[in-house]
């Protein structure tokens, strides 16, 4: 049993949408295939992975460093003989060979997308859905029957007035979502408040609406927004400032008593962020694609 090839294709997901910090006019993402020599139904088992929008494709990084490490390793070192399967943790260790600690921001998407594809292959080799494989291995077979999800949208878009924003959010509710998220920080505060109020007309109450500033604000602006949106009692106020500006996050808790979400936390930074942000910082939201990375983080938190 071995990985015989790893392939990546960078594809365009360009759009005219924007958040408070970036537009998506040149946006790309990576699609990765981990191809094994295991055959199911006459075809080789292939695991697939892709990265979230906002991160850009990572093909050059993958081809320059990471693919060769896995393909050049002794296949026996990448096998979990007890499970008769590939070993995602051994593959992760191989991917990270000769990588300096603390460089996760530069490589996290590249490694995470490959890792996603590896876990997909592992589940296919085991012939079970990935959720079942994870539950059986790590939760004594117990799996959550439901997973909470929300609809993230509310981007800025040329010509998108309040009625179009409301139509978008109404569409999410029609699909069964209860909580929606919208972008803020791309227009002046007064206009953002009008946008928020337009969405509240659709969702009904603040507890069904989260807002995301994508790290745009300095402390003064973050506080101004916090004080302005406090009466709405929103589901959460996400990433008001730079994710690594722990002083801003900590100070903001003195001005905002509602839930705040902090996303895209680097692995080595998690404990620092939790210590700095205070009791109102109850939600850590991540777009990291890597199951192995989150296993490592959760083990550290425990």
Protein backbone atom coordinates (compact mmCIF):
# COMPACT_ATOMS: atom_id res chain seq x y z
CA UNK A 1 0.00 0.00 0.00
CA UNK A 2 1.44 3.34 -1.00
CA UNK A 3 0.76 6.78 -2.37
CA UNK A 4 1.78 6.65 -6.02
CA UNK A 5 1.19 10.29 -6.94
CA UNK A 6 -0.06 13.62 -5.63
CA UNK A 7 -1.48 16.15 -8.04
CA UNK A 8 -2.59 19.74 -7.67
CA UNK A 9 -4.47 22.07 -9.94
CA UNK A 10 -4.88 25.76 -9.25
CA UNK A 11 -8.27 26.95 -10.45
CA UNK A 12 -9.87 30.38 -10.63
CA UNK A 13 -12.76 31.18 -8.31
CA UNK A 14 -12.67 34.85 -9.23
CA UNK A 15 -15.67 36.95 -8.28
CA UNK A 16 -16.61 40.61 -7.94
CA UNK A 17 -17.41 40.15 -4.25
CA UNK A 18 -15.27 41.78 -1.56
CA UNK A 19 -14.99 41.93 2.20
CA UNK A 20 -13.58 44.72 4.33
CA UNK A 21 -9.98 43.86 3.42
CA UNK A 22 -9.74 42.14 0.04
CA UNK A 23 -11.58 41.67 -3.20
CA UNK A 24 -11.83 38.32 -4.94
CA UNK A 25 -11.17 39.45 -8.51
CA UNK A 26 -7.99 37.34 -8.75
CA UNK A 27 -8.91 34.60 -6.29
CA UNK A 28 -7.75 31.05 -6.88
CA UNK A 29 -7.82 27.80 -4.93
CA UNK A 30 -5.98 24.49 -5.00
CA UNK A 31 -7.61 21.14 -5.74
CA UNK A 32 -5.45 18.21 -4.66
CA UNK A 33 -5.67 14.50 -5.48
CA UNK A 34 -3.77 11.89 -3.43
CA UNK A 35 -3.62 8.77 -5.61
CA UNK A 36 -2.98 5.38 -4.02
CA UNK A 37 -2.29 1.89 -5.35
CA UNK A 38 -5.32 0.54 -3.49
CA UNK A 39 -8.08 -0.54 -5.87
CA UNK A 40 -11.80 -0.37 -5.18
CA UNK A 41 -14.37 -1.35 -7.83
CA UNK A 42 -11.61 -1.59 -10.41
CA UNK A 43 -10.35 1.94 -9.83
CA UNK A 44 -7.51 3.34 -7.69
CA UNK A 45 -8.56 4.99 -4.44
CA UNK A 46 -8.07 8.74 -4.66
CA UNK A 47 -8.48 11.25 -1.84
CA UNK A 48 -9.38 14.83 -2.68
CA UNK A 49 -8.80 18.11 -0.90
CA UNK A 50 -9.34 21.79 -1.61
CA UNK A 51 -8.75 25.02 0.24
CA UNK A 52 -11.20 27.72 1.19
CA UNK A 53 -11.66 30.96 -0.71
CA UNK A 54 -9.59 33.89 0.49
CA UNK A 55 -6.36 31.87 0.71
CA UNK A 56 -5.32 31.55 -2.97
CA UNK A 57 -3.97 28.41 -4.62
CA UNK A 58 -0.87 26.86 -3.07
CA UNK A 59 0.39 24.71 -5.95
CA UNK A 60 3.89 26.16 -6.17
CA UNK A 61 4.53 25.60 -2.48
CA UNK A 62 3.19 22.06 -2.66
CA UNK A 63 5.30 21.12 -5.66
CA UNK A 64 8.45 22.86 -4.42
CA UNK A 65 8.46 21.23 -0.98
CA UNK A 66 5.70 18.95 0.14
CA UNK A 67 4.82 16.47 -2.60
CA UNK A 68 8.40 15.25 -2.97
CA UNK A 69 8.72 14.50 0.75
CA UNK A 70 5.77 12.12 0.72
CA UNK A 71 6.55 10.52 -2.63
CA UNK A 72 10.22 10.12 -1.69
CA UNK A 73 9.58 8.54 1.71
CA UNK A 74 9.80 4.83 2.38
CA UNK A 75 6.17 3.72 1.82
CA UNK A 76 6.38 1.42 4.85
CA UNK A 77 6.87 4.43 7.13
CA UNK A 78 3.55 5.91 5.97
CA UNK A 79 1.40 2.89 6.80
CA UNK A 80 -0.67 2.25 9.90
CA UNK A 81 -0.26 -1.52 10.06
CA UNK A 82 -2.74 -1.89 12.89
CA UNK A 83 -5.46 -0.33 10.75
CA UNK A 84 -4.10 -1.71 7.45
CA UNK A 85 -4.33 1.78 6.04
CA UNK A 86 -2.32 4.88 5.35
CA UNK A 87 -1.20 6.72 8.49
CA UNK A 88 -2.25 10.41 8.30
CA UNK A 89 -0.07 11.31 11.29
CA UNK A 90 3.04 9.73 9.77
CA UNK A 91 2.29 11.49 6.49
CA UNK A 92 1.83 14.78 8.37
CA UNK A 93 5.20 14.27 10.06
CA UNK A 94 6.78 13.60 6.67
CA UNK A 95 5.20 16.71 5.17
CA UNK A 96 6.63 18.79 8.01
CA UNK A 97 10.16 17.36 7.75
CA UNK A 98 12.78 20.13 7.86
CA UNK A 99 10.12 22.78 8.48
CA UNK A 100 10.95 25.45 11.03
CA UNK A 101 8.54 25.68 13.99
CA UNK A 102 6.35 28.77 13.90
CA UNK A 103 6.01 29.05 10.14
CA UNK A 104 2.46 27.80 10.01
CA UNK A 105 0.97 30.90 8.41
CA UNK A 106 3.13 30.43 5.34
CA UNK A 107 2.45 26.72 4.84
CA UNK A 108 -0.78 25.95 6.67
CA UNK A 109 -3.04 25.97 3.62
CA UNK A 110 -0.64 23.91 1.50
CA UNK A 111 -0.14 21.23 4.14
CA UNK A 112 -3.76 21.32 5.26
CA UNK A 113 -5.14 20.76 1.77
CA UNK A 114 -2.88 17.76 1.25
CA UNK A 115 -3.88 16.47 4.68
CA UNK A 116 -7.56 16.74 3.76
CA UNK A 117 -6.95 14.62 0.68
CA UNK A 118 -4.99 12.05 2.73
CA UNK A 119 -7.87 11.63 5.18
CA UNK A 120 -10.26 11.28 2.25
CA UNK A 121 -8.12 8.43 0.91
CA UNK A 122 -7.93 6.81 4.34
CA UNK A 123 -11.71 6.78 4.67
CA UNK A 124 -12.15 5.34 1.18
CA UNK A 125 -9.61 2.59 1.87
CA UNK A 126 -11.51 1.75 5.06
CA UNK A 127 -14.73 1.85 3.01
CA UNK A 128 -16.56 4.06 5.51
CA UNK A 129 -17.49 7.75 5.58
CA UNK A 130 -14.81 9.89 7.18
CA UNK A 131 -17.10 10.93 10.04
CA UNK A 132 -17.62 7.27 10.93
CA UNK A 133 -13.91 6.48 10.74
CA UNK A 134 -13.06 9.38 13.06
CA UNK A 135 -15.81 8.46 15.50
CA UNK A 136 -14.73 4.82 15.63
CA UNK A 137 -11.06 5.63 16.11
CA UNK A 138 -11.21 8.58 18.45
CA UNK A 139 -14.64 8.72 20.13
CA UNK A 140 -15.40 5.08 20.87
CA UNK A 141 -17.84 5.02 17.99
CA UNK A 142 -19.86 8.00 19.19
CA UNK A 143 -20.69 10.51 16.47
CA UNK A 144 -22.80 13.63 16.65
CA UNK A 145 -26.06 13.10 14.81
CA UNK A 146 -26.15 16.75 13.79
CA UNK A 147 -23.47 19.36 13.08
CA UNK A 148 -24.28 23.03 13.54
CA UNK A 149 -23.76 25.13 10.43
CA UNK A 150 -24.44 28.70 9.40
CA UNK A 151 -24.61 30.52 6.06
CA UNK A 152 -21.71 32.90 5.45
CA UNK A 153 -22.37 35.63 2.91
CA UNK A 154 -23.31 39.27 2.92
CA UNK A 155 -20.27 40.28 0.88
CA UNK A 156 -19.98 43.67 -0.74
CA UNK A 157 -20.73 43.64 -4.46
CA UNK A 158 -21.13 46.40 -7.04
CA UNK A 159 -24.77 47.44 -7.18
CA UNK A 160 -25.77 45.29 -4.22
CA UNK A 161 -28.30 47.43 -2.38
CA UNK A 162 -30.21 46.57 0.78
CA UNK A 163 -32.96 44.77 -1.11
CA UNK A 164 -30.43 42.46 -2.78
CA UNK A 165 -28.71 41.84 0.53
CA UNK A 166 -32.06 40.95 2.05
CA UNK A 167 -32.87 38.64 -0.86
CA UNK A 168 -29.59 36.83 -0.35
CA UNK A 169 -30.25 36.30 3.35
CA UNK A 170 -33.83 35.24 2.70
CA UNK A 171 -32.46 32.62 0.35
CA UNK A 172 -30.33 31.17 3.15
CA UNK A 173 -33.34 30.95 5.43
CA UNK A 174 -35.31 29.25 2.66
CA UNK A 175 -32.55 26.61 2.48
CA UNK A 176 -33.02 25.87 6.17
CA UNK A 177 -30.25 27.93 7.81
CA UNK A 178 -31.15 29.66 11.04
CA UNK A 179 -27.99 31.74 11.52
CA UNK A 180 -26.43 33.85 8.77
CA UNK A 181 -23.25 35.90 8.64
CA UNK A 182 -22.53 39.13 6.80
CA UNK A 183 -19.45 41.23 6.15
CA UNK A 184 -18.88 44.60 7.78
CA UNK A 185 -16.10 47.18 7.67
CA UNK A 186 -16.07 47.81 3.93
CA UNK A 187 -18.22 50.95 4.15
CA UNK A 188 -18.62 53.64 6.82
CA UNK A 189 -20.12 52.60 10.14
CA UNK A 190 -23.45 54.34 9.53
CA UNK A 191 -23.97 52.47 6.27
CA UNK A 192 -22.96 49.17 7.85
CA UNK A 193 -25.55 49.73 10.57
CA UNK A 194 -28.21 50.25 7.91
CA UNK A 195 -27.07 47.02 6.23
CA UNK A 196 -27.27 45.17 9.56
CA UNK A 197 -30.75 46.51 10.23
CA UNK A 198 -31.86 45.48 6.75
CA UNK A 199 -30.72 41.91 7.45
CA UNK A 200 -32.36 41.93 10.88
CA UNK A 201 -35.65 42.68 9.15
CA UNK A 202 -35.22 39.32 7.43
CA UNK A 203 -33.81 37.09 10.19
CA UNK A 204 -35.91 38.63 12.97
CA UNK A 205 -33.48 38.84 15.88
CA UNK A 206 -29.81 39.57 16.48
CA UNK A 207 -29.22 36.05 17.77
CA UNK A 208 -29.59 34.83 14.19
CA UNK A 209 -27.00 37.20 12.70
CA UNK A 210 -23.19 37.19 12.96
CA UNK A 211 -20.94 39.90 11.52
CA UNK A 212 -17.35 39.62 10.28
CA UNK A 213 -14.89 42.49 9.84
CA UNK A 214 -12.09 40.28 8.45
CA UNK A 215 -9.46 41.91 10.68
CA UNK A 216 -9.94 45.36 9.19
CA UNK A 217 -10.22 47.58 12.26
CA UNK A 218 -7.77 49.38 14.46
CA UNK A 219 -8.71 49.54 18.14
CA UNK A 220 -10.61 52.83 17.89
CA UNK A 221 -12.75 51.60 15.00
CA UNK A 222 -13.27 48.17 16.59
CA UNK A 223 -14.59 49.85 19.73
CA UNK A 224 -16.83 52.19 17.74
CA UNK A 225 -18.39 49.22 15.96
CA UNK A 226 -18.68 47.28 19.22
CA UNK A 227 -20.57 50.08 20.92
CA UNK A 228 -22.82 50.61 17.90
CA UNK A 229 -23.79 46.94 17.43
CA UNK A 230 -24.09 46.04 21.13
CA UNK A 231 -27.86 46.77 21.26
CA UNK A 232 -28.50 44.26 18.46
CA UNK A 233 -27.25 41.34 20.63
CA UNK A 234 -25.73 39.63 17.61
CA UNK A 235 -24.74 35.97 17.40
CA UNK A 236 -21.09 37.04 17.26
CA UNK A 237 -18.73 39.86 16.27
CA UNK A 238 -15.93 38.22 14.28
CA UNK A 239 -12.31 39.19 13.74
CA UNK A 240 -12.59 42.93 14.37
CA UNK A 241 -8.81 43.40 14.26
CA UNK A 242 -5.71 41.59 13.10
CA UNK A 243 -5.94 37.99 14.42
CA UNK A 244 -2.50 38.33 16.02
CA UNK A 245 -3.24 41.65 17.76
CA UNK A 246 -4.03 40.11 21.14
CA UNK A 247 -3.86 43.49 22.89
CA UNK A 248 -6.69 44.76 20.69
CA UNK A 249 -8.76 41.65 21.31
CA UNK A 250 -8.23 41.87 25.06
CA UNK A 251 -9.07 45.58 25.26
CA UNK A 252 -12.16 45.08 23.15
CA UNK A 253 -13.65 42.75 25.75
CA UNK A 254 -13.91 45.79 28.04
CA UNK A 255 -16.19 47.46 25.52
CA UNK A 256 -18.24 44.55 24.18
CA UNK A 257 -19.96 41.92 26.30
CA UNK A 258 -21.40 39.84 23.47
CA UNK A 259 -19.80 36.78 21.87
CA UNK A 260 -16.74 37.43 19.73
CA UNK A 261 -15.20 35.07 17.20
CA UNK A 262 -11.53 34.93 16.33
CA UNK A 263 -10.59 33.06 13.19
CA UNK A 264 -7.53 31.81 11.33
CA UNK A 265 -5.59 31.33 14.54
CA UNK A 266 -2.07 30.03 13.99
CA UNK A 267 -1.41 26.78 15.79
CA UNK A 268 1.25 28.11 18.12
CA UNK A 269 -0.83 31.17 18.91
CA UNK A 270 -3.96 29.47 20.20
CA UNK A 271 -3.06 29.35 23.87
CA UNK A 272 -1.85 32.95 23.78
CA UNK A 273 -5.06 34.08 22.14
CA UNK A 274 -7.22 32.28 24.67
CA UNK A 275 -5.30 33.80 27.55
CA UNK A 276 -5.43 37.32 26.14
CA UNK A 277 -8.97 37.66 24.95
CA UNK A 278 -10.94 37.27 28.16
CA UNK A 279 -14.25 35.62 29.00
CA UNK A 280 -16.31 37.04 26.16
CA UNK A 281 -14.06 35.51 23.49
CA UNK A 282 -15.94 32.26 23.41
CA UNK A 283 -15.73 31.23 19.75
CA UNK A 284 -12.73 30.21 17.68
CA UNK A 285 -13.68 29.93 14.02
CA UNK A 286 -11.24 28.37 11.58
CA UNK A 287 -11.04 27.89 7.85
CA UNK A 288 -8.08 25.55 8.26
CA UNK A 289 -8.61 22.50 6.02
CA UNK A 290 -6.46 20.12 8.06
CA UNK A 291 -8.05 17.40 10.26
CA UNK A 292 -4.63 16.48 11.65
CA UNK A 293 -3.87 20.05 12.68
CA UNK A 294 -7.13 20.28 14.63
CA UNK A 295 -6.46 16.94 16.28
CA UNK A 296 -3.11 18.31 17.47
CA UNK A 297 -4.70 21.55 18.69
CA UNK A 298 -7.56 19.83 20.49
CA UNK A 299 -5.14 17.46 22.21
CA UNK A 300 -3.13 20.47 23.38
CA UNK A 301 -6.25 22.21 24.74
CA UNK A 302 -7.32 19.10 26.62
